[in-house]
Amino acid sequence: GRFTISRDNAKNTVYLQMNSLKPEDTAVYYCNVWRWGTSYWGQGTQ
């Protein structure tokens, strides 16, 4: 109800729109994909 995930396959980009943010949302946020049984992660954004 507060966050919305979306993607643009033409741009190879996935988004996370975060509204009504709360102090408990404080975190490092990571993107993830599984490929051939392996989980891949980005470096994260604070």
ModelCIF file with pLDDT and N, C-alpha, C, O atoms, coordinates in Angstrom:
data_MODEL
#
_entry.id   MODEL 
#
_entity.id                         1 
_entity.type                       polymer 
_entity.pdbx_number_of_molecules   1 
#
_entity_poly.entity_id                      1 
_entity_poly.type                           'polypeptide(L)' 
_entity_poly.nstd_linkage                   no 
_entity_poly.nstd_monomer                   no 
_entity_poly.pdbx_seq_one_letter_code       GRFTISRDNAKNTVYLQMNSLKPEDTAVYYCNVWRWGTSYWGQGTQ 
_entity_poly.pdbx_seq_one_letter_code_can   GRFTISRDNAKNTVYLQMNSLKPEDTAVYYCNVWRWGTSYWGQGTQ 
_entity_poly.pdbx_strand_id                 A 
#
loop_
_entity_poly_seq.entity_id 
_entity_poly_seq.num 
_entity_poly_seq.mon_id 
_entity_poly_seq.hetero 
1 1  GLY n 
1 2  ARG n 
1 3  PHE n 
1 4  THR n 
1 5  ILE n 
1 6  SER n 
1 7  ARG n 
1 8  ASP n 
1 9  ASN n 
1 10 ALA n 
1 11 LYS n 
1 12 ASN n 
1 13 THR n 
1 14 VAL n 
1 15 TYR n 
1 16 LEU n 
1 17 GLN n 
1 18 MET n 
1 19 ASN n 
1 20 SER n 
1 21 LEU n 
1 22 LYS n 
1 23 PRO n 
1 24 GLU n 
1 25 ASP n 
1 26 THR n 
1 27 ALA n 
1 28 VAL n 
1 29 TYR n 
1 30 TYR n 
1 31 CYS n 
1 32 ASN n 
1 33 VAL n 
1 34 TRP n 
1 35 ARG n 
1 36 TRP n 
1 37 GLY n 
1 38 THR n 
1 39 SER n 
1 40 TYR n 
1 41 TRP n 
1 42 GLY n 
1 43 GLN n 
1 44 GLY n 
1 45 THR n 
1 46 GLN n 
#
_struct_asym.id          A 
_struct_asym.entity_id   1 
#
loop_
_ma_qa_metric.id 
_ma_qa_metric.mode 
_ma_qa_metric.name 
_ma_qa_metric.software_group_id 
_ma_qa_metric.type 
1 global pLDDT . pLDDT 
2 local  pLDDT . pLDDT 
#
_ma_qa_metric_global.metric_id      1 
_ma_qa_metric_global.metric_value   96.96 
_ma_qa_metric_global.model_id       1 
_ma_qa_metric_global.ordinal_id     1 
#
loop_
_ma_qa_metric_local.label_asym_id 
_ma_qa_metric_local.label_comp_id 
_ma_qa_metric_local.label_seq_id 
_ma_qa_metric_local.metric_id 
_ma_qa_metric_local.metric_value 
_ma_qa_metric_local.model_id 
_ma_qa_metric_local.ordinal_id 
A GLY 1  2 97.00 1 1  
A ARG 2  2 98.00 1 2  
A PHE 3  2 98.00 1 3  
A THR 4  2 98.00 1 4  
A ILE 5  2 98.00 1 5  
A SER 6  2 98.00 1 6  
A ARG 7  2 98.00 1 7  
A ASP 8  2 98.00 1 8  
A ASN 9  2 98.00 1 9  
A ALA 10 2 97.00 1 10 
A LYS 11 2 98.00 1 11 
A ASN 12 2 98.00 1 12 
A THR 13 2 98.00 1 13 
A VAL 14 2 98.00 1 14 
A TYR 15 2 98.00 1 15 
A LEU 16 2 98.00 1 16 
A GLN 17 2 98.00 1 17 
A MET 18 2 98.00 1 18 
A ASN 19 2 98.00 1 19 
A SER 20 2 98.00 1 20 
A LEU 21 2 98.00 1 21 
A LYS 22 2 97.00 1 22 
A PRO 23 2 96.00 1 23 
A GLU 24 2 96.00 1 24 
A ASP 25 2 97.00 1 25 
A THR 26 2 97.00 1 26 
A ALA 27 2 98.00 1 27 
A VAL 28 2 98.00 1 28 
A TYR 29 2 98.00 1 29 
A TYR 30 2 98.00 1 30 
A CYS 31 2 97.00 1 31 
A ASN 32 2 98.00 1 32 
A VAL 33 2 97.00 1 33 
A TRP 34 2 95.00 1 34 
A ARG 35 2 91.00 1 35 
A TRP 36 2 90.00 1 36 
A GLY 37 2 92.00 1 37 
A THR 38 2 95.00 1 38 
A SER 39 2 95.00 1 39 
A TYR 40 2 97.00 1 40 
A TRP 41 2 97.00 1 41 
A GLY 42 2 96.00 1 42 
A GLN 43 2 96.00 1 43 
A GLY 44 2 97.00 1 44 
A THR 45 2 98.00 1 45 
A GLN 46 2 98.00 1 46 
#
loop_
_atom_site.group_PDB 
_atom_site.id 
_atom_site.type_symbol 
_atom_site.label_atom_id 
_atom_site.label_alt_id 
_atom_site.label_comp_id 
_atom_site.label_asym_id 
_atom_site.label_entity_id 
_atom_site.label_seq_id 
_atom_site.pdbx_PDB_ins_code 
_atom_site.Cartn_x 
_atom_site.Cartn_y 
_atom_site.Cartn_z 
_atom_site.occupancy 
_atom_site.B_iso_or_equiv 
_atom_site.pdbx_formal_charge 
_atom_site.auth_seq_id 
_atom_site.auth_comp_id 
_atom_site.auth_asym_id 
_atom_site.auth_atom_id 
_atom_site.pdbx_PDB_model_num 
ATOM 1   N N  . GLY A 1 1  ? 0.787  -1.218  0.000   1.00 97.00 ? 1  GLY A N  1 
ATOM 2   C CA . GLY A 1 1  ? 0.000  0.000   0.000   1.00 97.00 ? 1  GLY A CA 1 
ATOM 3   C C  . GLY A 1 1  ? 0.822  1.272   0.000   1.00 97.00 ? 1  GLY A C  1 
ATOM 4   O O  . GLY A 1 1  ? 0.286  2.354   -0.237  1.00 97.00 ? 1  GLY A O  1 
ATOM 5   N N  . ARG A 1 2  ? 2.115  1.160   0.262   1.00 98.00 ? 2  ARG A N  1 
ATOM 6   C CA . ARG A 1 2  ? 3.007  2.325   0.286   1.00 98.00 ? 2  ARG A CA 1 
ATOM 7   C C  . ARG A 1 2  ? 4.060  2.270   -0.808  1.00 98.00 ? 2  ARG A C  1 
ATOM 8   O O  . ARG A 1 2  ? 4.447  3.305   -1.351  1.00 98.00 ? 2  ARG A O  1 
ATOM 9   N N  . PHE A 1 3  ? 4.525  1.077   -1.134  1.00 98.00 ? 3  PHE A N  1 
ATOM 10  C CA . PHE A 1 3  ? 5.578  0.901   -2.141  1.00 98.00 ? 3  PHE A CA 1 
ATOM 11  C C  . PHE A 1 3  ? 4.977  0.307   -3.405  1.00 98.00 ? 3  PHE A C  1 
ATOM 12  O O  . PHE A 1 3  ? 4.004  -0.446  -3.359  1.00 98.00 ? 3  PHE A O  1 
ATOM 13  N N  . THR A 1 4  ? 5.586  0.665   -4.543  1.00 98.00 ? 4  THR A N  1 
ATOM 14  C CA . THR A 1 4  ? 5.175  0.103   -5.830  1.00 98.00 ? 4  THR A CA 1 
ATOM 15  C C  . THR A 1 4  ? 6.409  -0.299  -6.624  1.00 98.00 ? 4  THR A C  1 
ATOM 16  O O  . THR A 1 4  ? 7.299  0.515   -6.871  1.00 98.00 ? 4  THR A O  1 
ATOM 17  N N  . ILE A 1 5  ? 6.448  -1.568  -7.020  1.00 98.00 ? 5  ILE A N  1 
ATOM 18  C CA . ILE A 1 5  ? 7.537  -2.052  -7.881  1.00 98.00 ? 5  ILE A CA 1 
ATOM 19  C C  . ILE A 1 5  ? 7.068  -2.003  -9.322  1.00 98.00 ? 5  ILE A C  1 
ATOM 20  O O  . ILE A 1 5  ? 5.915  -2.315  -9.617  1.00 98.00 ? 5  ILE A O  1 
ATOM 21  N N  . SER A 1 6  ? 7.958  -1.612  -10.216 1.00 98.00 ? 6  SER A N  1 
ATOM 22  C CA . SER A 1 6  ? 7.634  -1.562  -11.649 1.00 98.00 ? 6  SER A CA 1 
ATOM 23  C C  . SER A 1 6  ? 8.911  -1.821  -12.436 1.00 98.00 ? 6  SER A C  1 
ATOM 24  O O  . SER A 1 6  ? 10.001 -1.864  -11.865 1.00 98.00 ? 6  SER A O  1 
ATOM 25  N N  . ARG A 1 7  ? 8.775  -1.989  -13.724 1.00 98.00 ? 7  ARG A N  1 
ATOM 26  C CA . ARG A 1 7  ? 9.945  -2.256  -14.559 1.00 98.00 ? 7  ARG A CA 1 
ATOM 27  C C  . ARG A 1 7  ? 9.727  -1.690  -15.948 1.00 98.00 ? 7  ARG A C  1 
ATOM 28  O O  . ARG A 1 7  ? 8.598  -1.510  -16.403 1.00 98.00 ? 7  ARG A O  1 
ATOM 29  N N  . ASP A 1 8  ? 10.841 -1.417  -16.605 1.00 98.00 ? 8  ASP A N  1 
ATOM 30  C CA . ASP A 1 8  ? 10.849 -0.989  -18.004 1.00 98.00 ? 8  ASP A CA 1 
ATOM 31  C C  . ASP A 1 8  ? 11.775 -1.943  -18.736 1.00 98.00 ? 8  ASP A C  1 
ATOM 32  O O  . ASP A 1 8  ? 12.996 -1.809  -18.658 1.00 98.00 ? 8  ASP A O  1 
ATOM 33  N N  . ASN A 1 9  ? 11.205 -2.900  -19.442 1.00 98.00 ? 9  ASN A N  1 
ATOM 34  C CA . ASN A 1 9  ? 12.028 -3.912  -20.105 1.00 98.00 ? 9  ASN A CA 1 
ATOM 35  C C  . ASN A 1 9  ? 12.828 -3.334  -21.272 1.00 98.00 ? 9  ASN A C  1 
ATOM 36  O O  . ASN A 1 9  ? 13.831 -3.920  -21.678 1.00 98.00 ? 9  ASN A O  1 
ATOM 37  N N  . ALA A 1 10 ? 12.405 -2.211  -21.806 1.00 97.00 ? 10 ALA A N  1 
ATOM 38  C CA . ALA A 1 10 ? 13.171 -1.562  -22.874 1.00 97.00 ? 10 ALA A CA 1 
ATOM 39  C C  . ALA A 1 10 ? 14.446 -0.918  -22.327 1.00 97.00 ? 10 ALA A C  1 
ATOM 40  O O  . ALA A 1 10 ? 15.426 -0.752  -23.053 1.00 97.00 ? 10 ALA A O  1 
ATOM 41  N N  . LYS A 1 11 ? 14.423 -0.560  -21.056 1.00 98.00 ? 11 LYS A N  1 
ATOM 42  C CA . LYS A 1 11 ? 15.574 0.089   -20.427 1.00 98.00 ? 11 LYS A CA 1 
ATOM 43  C C  . LYS A 1 11 ? 16.348 -0.842  -19.496 1.00 98.00 ? 11 LYS A C  1 
ATOM 44  O O  . LYS A 1 11 ? 17.350 -0.436  -18.907 1.00 98.00 ? 11 LYS A O  1 
ATOM 45  N N  . ASN A 1 12 ? 15.890 -2.093  -19.359 1.00 98.00 ? 12 ASN A N  1 
ATOM 46  C CA . ASN A 1 12 ? 16.539 -3.049  -18.441 1.00 98.00 ? 12 ASN A CA 1 
ATOM 47  C C  . ASN A 1 12 ? 16.621 -2.488  -17.026 1.00 98.00 ? 12 ASN A C  1 
ATOM 48  O O  . ASN A 1 12 ? 17.653 -2.598  -16.364 1.00 98.00 ? 12 ASN A O  1 
ATOM 49  N N  . THR A 1 13 ? 15.541 -1.897  -16.577 1.00 98.00 ? 13 THR A N  1 
ATOM 50  C CA . THR A 1 13 ? 15.534 -1.232  -15.277 1.00 98.00 ? 13 THR A CA 1 
ATOM 51  C C  . THR A 1 13 ? 14.295 -1.640  -14.485 1.00 98.00 ? 13 THR A C  1 
ATOM 52  O O  . THR A 1 13 ? 13.195 -1.751  -15.025 1.00 98.00 ? 13 THR A O  1 
ATOM 53  N N  . VAL A 1 14 ? 14.506 -1.856  -13.195 1.00 98.00 ? 14 VAL A N  1 
ATOM 54  C CA . VAL A 1 14 ? 13.403 -2.095  -12.272 1.00 98.00 ? 14 VAL A CA 1 
ATOM 55  C C  . VAL A 1 14 ? 13.403 -0.961  -11.243 1.00 98.00 ? 14 VAL A C  1 
ATOM 56  O O  . VAL A 1 14 ? 14.458 -0.480  -10.830 1.00 98.00 ? 14 VAL A O  1 
ATOM 57  N N  . TYR A 1 15 ? 12.220 -0.552  -10.844 1.00 98.00 ? 15 TYR A N  1 
ATOM 58  C CA . TYR A 1 15 ? 12.060 0.596   -9.952  1.00 98.00 ? 15 TYR A CA 1 
ATOM 59  C C  . TYR A 1 15 ? 11.338 0.185   -8.671  1.00 98.00 ? 15 TYR A C  1 
ATOM 60  O O  . TYR A 1 15 ? 10.623 -0.815  -8.628  1.00 98.00 ? 15 TYR A O  1 
ATOM 61  N N  . LEU A 1 16 ? 11.548 0.985   -7.640  1.00 98.00 ? 16 LEU A N  1 
ATOM 62  C CA . LEU A 1 16 ? 10.777 0.848   -6.413  1.00 98.00 ? 16 LEU A CA 1 
ATOM 63  C C  . LEU A 1 16 ? 10.354 2.248   -5.981  1.00 98.00 ? 16 LEU A C  1 
ATOM 64  O O  . LEU A 1 16 ? 11.169 3.029   -5.491  1.00 98.00 ? 16 LEU A O  1 
ATOM 65  N N  . GLN A 1 17 ? 9.083  2.553   -6.167  1.00 98.00 ? 17 GLN A N  1 
ATOM 66  C CA . GLN A 1 17 ? 8.537  3.828   -5.712  1.00 98.00 ? 17 GLN A CA 1 
ATOM 67  C C  . GLN A 1 17 ? 8.102  3.663   -4.263  1.00 98.00 ? 17 GLN A C  1 
ATOM 68  O O  . GLN A 1 17 ? 7.285  2.799   -3.947  1.00 98.00 ? 17 GLN A O  1 
ATOM 69  N N  . MET A 1 18 ? 8.644  4.485   -3.397  1.00 98.00 ? 18 MET A N  1 
ATOM 70  C CA . MET A 1 18 ? 8.385  4.375   -1.961  1.00 98.00 ? 18 MET A CA 1 
ATOM 71  C C  . MET A 1 18 ? 7.713  5.653   -1.480  1.00 98.00 ? 18 MET A C  1 
ATOM 72  O O  . MET A 1 18 ? 8.301  6.733   -1.536  1.00 98.00 ? 18 MET A O  1 
ATOM 73  N N  . ASN A 1 19 ? 6.493  5.524   -1.011  1.00 98.00 ? 19 ASN A N  1 
ATOM 74  C CA . ASN A 1 19 ? 5.726  6.662   -0.495  1.00 98.00 ? 19 ASN A CA 1 
ATOM 75  C C  . ASN A 1 19 ? 5.448  6.475   0.984   1.00 98.00 ? 19 ASN A C  1 
ATOM 76  O O  . ASN A 1 19 ? 5.587  5.377   1.522   1.00 98.00 ? 19 ASN A O  1 
ATOM 77  N N  . SER A 1 20 ? 5.059  7.543   1.627   1.00 98.00 ? 20 SER A N  1 
ATOM 78  C CA . SER A 1 20 ? 4.715  7.502   3.060   1.00 98.00 ? 20 SER A CA 1 
ATOM 79  C C  . SER A 1 20 ? 5.797  6.794   3.870   1.00 98.00 ? 20 SER A C  1 
ATOM 80  O O  . SER A 1 20 ? 5.511  5.919   4.686   1.00 98.00 ? 20 SER A O  1 
ATOM 81  N N  . LEU A 1 21 ? 7.024  7.186   3.631   1.00 98.00 ? 21 LEU A N  1 
ATOM 82  C CA . LEU A 1 21 ? 8.156  6.514   4.272   1.00 98.00 ? 21 LEU A CA 1 
ATOM 83  C C  . LEU A 1 21 ? 8.145  6.697   5.780   1.00 98.00 ? 21 LEU A C  1 
ATOM 84  O O  . LEU A 1 21 ? 7.765  7.744   6.304   1.00 98.00 ? 21 LEU A O  1 
ATOM 85  N N  . LYS A 1 22 ? 8.576  5.637   6.457   1.00 97.00 ? 22 LYS A N  1 
ATOM 86  C CA . LYS A 1 22 ? 8.624  5.614   7.914   1.00 97.00 ? 22 LYS A CA 1 
ATOM 87  C C  . LYS A 1 22 ? 10.069 5.394   8.380   1.00 97.00 ? 22 LYS A C  1 
ATOM 88  O O  . LYS A 1 22 ? 10.885 4.872   7.620   1.00 97.00 ? 22 LYS A O  1 
ATOM 89  N N  . PRO A 1 23 ? 10.391 5.778   9.596   1.00 96.00 ? 23 PRO A N  1 
ATOM 90  C CA . PRO A 1 23 ? 11.751 5.529   10.084  1.00 96.00 ? 23 PRO A CA 1 
ATOM 91  C C  . PRO A 1 23 ? 12.141 4.050   9.999   1.00 96.00 ? 23 PRO A C  1 
ATOM 92  O O  . PRO A 1 23 ? 13.310 3.730   9.787   1.00 96.00 ? 23 PRO A O  1 
ATOM 93  N N  . GLU A 1 24 ? 11.181 3.162   10.160  1.00 96.00 ? 24 GLU A N  1 
ATOM 94  C CA . GLU A 1 24 ? 11.495 1.723   10.088  1.00 96.00 ? 24 GLU A CA 1 
ATOM 95  C C  . GLU A 1 24 ? 11.781 1.240   8.677   1.00 96.00 ? 24 GLU A C  1 
ATOM 96  O O  . GLU A 1 24 ? 12.145 0.079   8.490   1.00 96.00 ? 24 GLU A O  1 
ATOM 97  N N  . ASP A 1 25 ? 11.627 2.100   7.683   1.00 97.00 ? 25 ASP A N  1 
ATOM 98  C CA . ASP A 1 25 ? 12.026 1.760   6.309   1.00 97.00 ? 25 ASP A CA 1 
ATOM 99  C C  . ASP A 1 25 ? 13.516 2.009   6.086   1.00 97.00 ? 25 ASP A C  1 
ATOM 100 O O  . ASP A 1 25 ? 14.052 1.674   5.030   1.00 97.00 ? 25 ASP A O  1 
ATOM 101 N N  . THR A 1 26 ? 14.178 2.590   7.067   1.00 97.00 ? 26 THR A N  1 
ATOM 102 C CA . THR A 1 26 ? 15.619 2.830   6.950   1.00 97.00 ? 26 THR A CA 1 
ATOM 103 C C  . THR A 1 26 ? 16.357 1.513   6.769   1.00 97.00 ? 26 THR A C  1 
ATOM 104 O O  . THR A 1 26 ? 16.238 0.599   7.585   1.00 97.00 ? 26 THR A O  1 
ATOM 105 N N  . ALA A 1 27 ? 17.127 1.430   5.678   1.00 98.00 ? 27 ALA A N  1 
ATOM 106 C CA . ALA A 1 27 ? 17.813 0.187   5.338   1.00 98.00 ? 27 ALA A CA 1 
ATOM 107 C C  . ALA A 1 27 ? 18.667 0.410   4.104   1.00 98.00 ? 27 ALA A C  1 
ATOM 108 O O  . ALA A 1 27 ? 18.572 1.436   3.431   1.00 98.00 ? 27 ALA A O  1 
ATOM 109 N N  . VAL A 1 28 ? 19.503 -0.578  3.828   1.00 98.00 ? 28 VAL A N  1 
ATOM 110 C CA . VAL A 1 28 ? 20.139 -0.656  2.515   1.00 98.00 ? 28 VAL A CA 1 
ATOM 111 C C  . VAL A 1 28 ? 19.229 -1.499  1.638   1.00 98.00 ? 28 VAL A C  1 
ATOM 112 O O  . VAL A 1 28 ? 18.841 -2.606  2.012   1.00 98.00 ? 28 VAL A O  1 
ATOM 113 N N  . TYR A 1 29 ? 18.892 -0.971  0.471   1.00 98.00 ? 29 TYR A N  1 
ATOM 114 C CA . TYR A 1 29 ? 17.987 -1.646  -0.454  1.00 98.00 ? 29 TYR A CA 1 
ATOM 115 C C  . TYR A 1 29 ? 18.784 -2.277  -1.591  1.00 98.00 ? 29 TYR A C  1 
ATOM 116 O O  . TYR A 1 29 ? 19.659 -1.650  -2.188  1.00 98.00 ? 29 TYR A O  1 
ATOM 117 N N  . TYR A 1 30 ? 18.455 -3.539  -1.872  1.00 98.00 ? 30 TYR A N  1 
ATOM 118 C CA . TYR A 1 30 ? 19.178 -4.318  -2.862  1.00 98.00 ? 30 TYR A CA 1 
ATOM 119 C C  . TYR A 1 30 ? 18.238 -4.834  -3.949  1.00 98.00 ? 30 TYR A C  1 
ATOM 120 O O  . TYR A 1 30 ? 17.085 -5.184  -3.698  1.00 98.00 ? 30 TYR A O  1 
ATOM 121 N N  . CYS A 1 31 ? 18.770 -4.867  -5.143  1.00 97.00 ? 31 CYS A N  1 
ATOM 122 C CA . CYS A 1 31 ? 18.101 -5.476  -6.283  1.00 97.00 ? 31 CYS A CA 1 
ATOM 123 C C  . CYS A 1 31 ? 18.579 -6.919  -6.398  1.00 97.00 ? 31 CYS A C  1 
ATOM 124 O O  . CYS A 1 31 ? 19.732 -7.218  -6.089  1.00 97.00 ? 31 CYS A O  1 
ATOM 125 N N  . ASN A 1 32 ? 17.695 -7.816  -6.845  1.00 98.00 ? 32 ASN A N  1 
ATOM 126 C CA . ASN A 1 32 ? 18.053 -9.235  -6.895  1.00 98.00 ? 32 ASN A CA 1 
ATOM 127 C C  . ASN A 1 32 ? 17.439 -9.910  -8.109  1.00 98.00 ? 32 ASN A C  1 
ATOM 128 O O  . ASN A 1 32 ? 16.318 -9.608  -8.519  1.00 98.00 ? 32 ASN A O  1 
ATOM 129 N N  . VAL A 1 33 ? 18.215 -10.844 -8.675  1.00 97.00 ? 33 VAL A N  1 
ATOM 130 C CA . VAL A 1 33 ? 17.707 -11.699 -9.749  1.00 97.00 ? 33 VAL A CA 1 
ATOM 131 C C  . VAL A 1 33 ? 18.332 -13.083 -9.605  1.00 97.00 ? 33 VAL A C  1 
ATOM 132 O O  . VAL A 1 33 ? 19.486 -13.223 -9.200  1.00 97.00 ? 33 VAL A O  1 
ATOM 133 N N  . TRP A 1 34 ? 17.545 -14.100 -9.947  1.00 95.00 ? 34 TRP A N  1 
ATOM 134 C CA . TRP A 1 34 ? 18.045 -15.478 -9.994  1.00 95.00 ? 34 TRP A CA 1 
ATOM 135 C C  . TRP A 1 34 ? 18.285 -15.844 -11.445 1.00 95.00 ? 34 TRP A C  1 
ATOM 136 O O  . TRP A 1 34 ? 17.445 -15.600 -12.310 1.00 95.00 ? 34 TRP A O  1 
ATOM 137 N N  . ARG A 1 35 ? 19.439 -16.432 -11.696 1.00 91.00 ? 35 ARG A N  1 
ATOM 138 C CA . ARG A 1 35 ? 19.762 -16.873 -13.043 1.00 91.00 ? 35 ARG A CA 1 
ATOM 139 C C  . ARG A 1 35 ? 20.550 -18.172 -12.944 1.00 91.00 ? 35 ARG A C  1 
ATOM 140 O O  . ARG A 1 35 ? 21.595 -18.224 -12.296 1.00 91.00 ? 35 ARG A O  1 
ATOM 141 N N  . TRP A 1 36 ? 20.047 -19.211 -13.586 1.00 90.00 ? 36 TRP A N  1 
ATOM 142 C CA . TRP A 1 36 ? 20.703 -20.520 -13.600 1.00 90.00 ? 36 TRP A CA 1 
ATOM 143 C C  . TRP A 1 36 ? 21.042 -20.991 -12.181 1.00 90.00 ? 36 TRP A C  1 
ATOM 144 O O  . TRP A 1 36 ? 22.132 -21.507 -11.933 1.00 90.00 ? 36 TRP A O  1 
ATOM 145 N N  . GLY A 1 37 ? 20.102 -20.807 -11.263 1.00 92.00 ? 37 GLY A N  1 
ATOM 146 C CA . GLY A 1 37 ? 20.278 -21.308 -9.913  1.00 92.00 ? 37 GLY A CA 1 
ATOM 147 C C  . GLY A 1 37 ? 21.169 -20.459 -9.023  1.00 92.00 ? 37 GLY A C  1 
ATOM 148 O O  . GLY A 1 37 ? 21.452 -20.837 -7.886  1.00 92.00 ? 37 GLY A O  1 
ATOM 149 N N  . THR A 1 38 ? 21.608 -19.335 -9.520  1.00 95.00 ? 38 THR A N  1 
ATOM 150 C CA . THR A 1 38 ? 22.478 -18.441 -8.750  1.00 95.00 ? 38 THR A CA 1 
ATOM 151 C C  . THR A 1 38 ? 21.755 -17.128 -8.493  1.00 95.00 ? 38 THR A C  1 
ATOM 152 O O  . THR A 1 38 ? 21.109 -16.567 -9.379  1.00 95.00 ? 38 THR A O  1 
ATOM 153 N N  . SER A 1 39 ? 21.881 -16.650 -7.252  1.00 95.00 ? 39 SER A N  1 
ATOM 154 C CA . SER A 1 39 ? 21.260 -15.389 -6.880  1.00 95.00 ? 39 SER A CA 1 
ATOM 155 C C  . SER A 1 39 ? 22.282 -14.260 -7.028  1.00 95.00 ? 39 SER A C  1 
ATOM 156 O O  . SER A 1 39 ? 23.400 -14.344 -6.520  1.00 95.00 ? 39 SER A O  1 
ATOM 157 N N  . TYR A 1 40 ? 21.880 -13.216 -7.727  1.00 97.00 ? 40 TYR A N  1 
ATOM 158 C CA . TYR A 1 40 ? 22.770 -12.082 -7.953  1.00 97.00 ? 40 TYR A CA 1 
ATOM 159 C C  . TYR A 1 40 ? 22.231 -10.844 -7.233  1.00 97.00 ? 40 TYR A C  1 
ATOM 160 O O  . TYR A 1 40 ? 21.026 -10.606 -7.161  1.00 97.00 ? 40 TYR A O  1 
ATOM 161 N N  . TRP A 1 41 ? 23.178 -10.071 -6.705  1.00 97.00 ? 41 TRP A N  1 
ATOM 162 C CA . TRP A 1 41 ? 22.826 -8.879  -5.934  1.00 97.00 ? 41 TRP A CA 1 
ATOM 163 C C  . TRP A 1 41 ? 23.586 -7.664  -6.436  1.00 97.00 ? 41 TRP A C  1 
ATOM 164 O O  . TRP A 1 41 ? 24.703 -7.778  -6.941  1.00 97.00 ? 41 TRP A O  1 
ATOM 165 N N  . GLY A 1 42 ? 22.969 -6.506  -6.292  1.00 96.00 ? 42 GLY A N  1 
ATOM 166 C CA . GLY A 1 42 ? 23.692 -5.273  -6.509  1.00 96.00 ? 42 GLY A CA 1 
ATOM 167 C C  . GLY A 1 42 ? 24.435 -4.881  -5.248  1.00 96.00 ? 42 GLY A C  1 
ATOM 168 O O  . GLY A 1 42 ? 24.457 -5.622  -4.265  1.00 96.00 ? 42 GLY A O  1 
ATOM 169 N N  . GLN A 1 43 ? 25.049 -3.693  -5.292  1.00 96.00 ? 43 GLN A N  1 
ATOM 170 C CA . GLN A 1 43 ? 25.838 -3.226  -4.145  1.00 96.00 ? 43 GLN A CA 1 
ATOM 171 C C  . GLN A 1 43 ? 24.961 -2.574  -3.078  1.00 96.00 ? 43 GLN A C  1 
ATOM 172 O O  . GLN A 1 43 ? 25.396 -2.363  -1.946  1.00 96.00 ? 43 GLN A O  1 
ATOM 173 N N  . GLY A 1 44 ? 23.728 -2.259  -3.452  1.00 97.00 ? 44 GLY A N  1 
ATOM 174 C CA . GLY A 1 44 ? 22.794 -1.658  -2.511  1.00 97.00 ? 44 GLY A CA 1 
ATOM 175 C C  . GLY A 1 44 ? 22.812 -0.140  -2.548  1.00 97.00 ? 44 GLY A C  1 
ATOM 176 O O  . GLY A 1 44 ? 23.791 0.479   -2.964  1.00 97.00 ? 44 GLY A O  1 
ATOM 177 N N  . THR A 1 45 ? 21.705 0.445   -2.103  1.00 98.00 ? 45 THR A N  1 
ATOM 178 C CA . THR A 1 45 ? 21.600 1.895   -1.989  1.00 98.00 ? 45 THR A CA 1 
ATOM 179 C C  . THR A 1 45 ? 20.950 2.219   -0.643  1.00 98.00 ? 45 THR A C  1 
ATOM 180 O O  . THR A 1 45 ? 19.956 1.602   -0.260  1.00 98.00 ? 45 THR A O  1 
ATOM 181 N N  . GLN A 1 46 ? 21.517 3.187   0.063   1.00 98.00 ? 46 GLN A N  1 
ATOM 182 C CA . GLN A 1 46 ? 21.085 3.487   1.427   1.00 98.00 ? 46 GLN A CA 1 
ATOM 183 C C  . GLN A 1 46 ? 19.876 4.415   1.422   1.00 98.00 ? 46 GLN A C  1 
ATOM 184 O O  . GLN A 1 46 ? 19.372 4.777   2.485   1.00 98.00 ? 46 GLN A O  1 
#
